[in-house]
Every structure is written in structure tokens, then in C-alpha cells.
Amino acid sequence: MVVSFLKGVETPTVESTNADFNTLGIQFRGYHDFGCDIAEYLAGVHSKGAN
């Protein structure tokens, strides 16, 4: 397996902002840009175990 990250950023991105004028508080959002794929199918070994 290969894990790839968008623009090399390996940590989640968390953003915050003040809430709307009529609501007290802070708004947060977070996201993590990554993908997984099978790199080389010949790198794996299928074995039934010891005889």
C-alpha cells in the first residue's frame, strides 16, 4: 500500500472563525487530504504457511 498526501501535508488542517453576528461562539472545520493505493502487486507474497 502507498499513502499519498496532497502537497506533502501529513497533518489534518483545522480552521476556525467567529460565528455569525447573531450567534455566540466560534466555528471550526477540519479536513485531511490523503489517498491510498496498491503500489506494486509483485511486492506481496501469498503463502499457505508451514507444511
Protein backbone atom coordinates (compact mmCIF):
# COMPACT_ATOMS: atom_id res chain seq x y z
CA MET A 1 0.00 0.00 0.00
CA VAL A 2 1.04 3.57 -0.65
CA VAL A 3 -0.36 6.59 1.19
CA SER A 4 -0.07 9.94 -0.56
CA PHE A 5 -0.73 13.40 0.86
CA LEU A 6 -1.83 16.49 -1.05
CA LYS A 7 1.11 18.93 -1.31
CA GLY A 8 3.06 16.81 1.21
CA VAL A 9 0.95 17.93 4.20
CA GLU A 10 0.69 14.88 6.51
CA THR A 11 -1.34 16.52 9.30
CA PRO A 12 -5.03 17.44 9.31
CA THR A 13 -5.93 21.06 8.59
CA VAL A 14 -8.10 22.79 11.20
CA GLU A 15 -9.62 26.20 10.50
CA SER A 16 -11.58 28.46 12.86
CA THR A 17 -13.58 31.66 12.52
CA ASN A 18 -16.01 33.71 14.57
CA ALA A 19 -19.65 32.66 14.32
CA ASP A 20 -22.31 34.83 12.66
CA PHE A 21 -23.26 38.09 14.36
CA ASN A 22 -26.45 36.69 15.89
CA THR A 23 -24.73 33.56 17.27
CA LEU A 24 -22.16 33.48 20.07
CA GLY A 25 -19.17 31.20 19.63
CA ILE A 26 -16.50 30.05 17.22
CA GLN A 27 -16.89 27.75 14.22
CA PHE A 28 -14.30 25.06 13.43
CA ARG A 29 -13.80 22.78 10.46
CA GLY A 30 -11.13 20.21 9.77
CA TYR A 31 -10.08 18.11 6.81
CA HIS A 32 -7.31 15.71 5.83
CA ASP A 33 -6.34 15.31 2.16
CA PHE A 34 -4.84 11.87 1.52
CA GLY A 35 -5.22 8.86 -0.73
CA CYS A 36 -4.28 5.15 -0.64
CA ASP A 37 -3.41 2.80 -3.46
CA ILE A 38 -1.75 -0.53 -4.16
CA ALA A 39 1.80 0.27 -5.25
CA GLU A 40 3.34 -2.91 -6.65
CA TYR A 41 1.35 -6.13 -6.80
CA LEU A 42 4.58 -8.18 -7.14
CA ALA A 43 5.84 -6.93 -3.75
CA GLY A 44 3.39 -9.14 -1.83
CA VAL A 45 3.84 -12.86 -1.14
CA HIS A 46 0.96 -15.34 -0.87
CA SER A 47 1.85 -18.24 1.43
CA LYS A 48 -0.21 -21.08 2.91
CA GLY A 49 2.11 -21.26 5.94
CA ALA A 50 4.39 -24.00 7.29
CA ASN A 51 3.94 -27.56 5.99
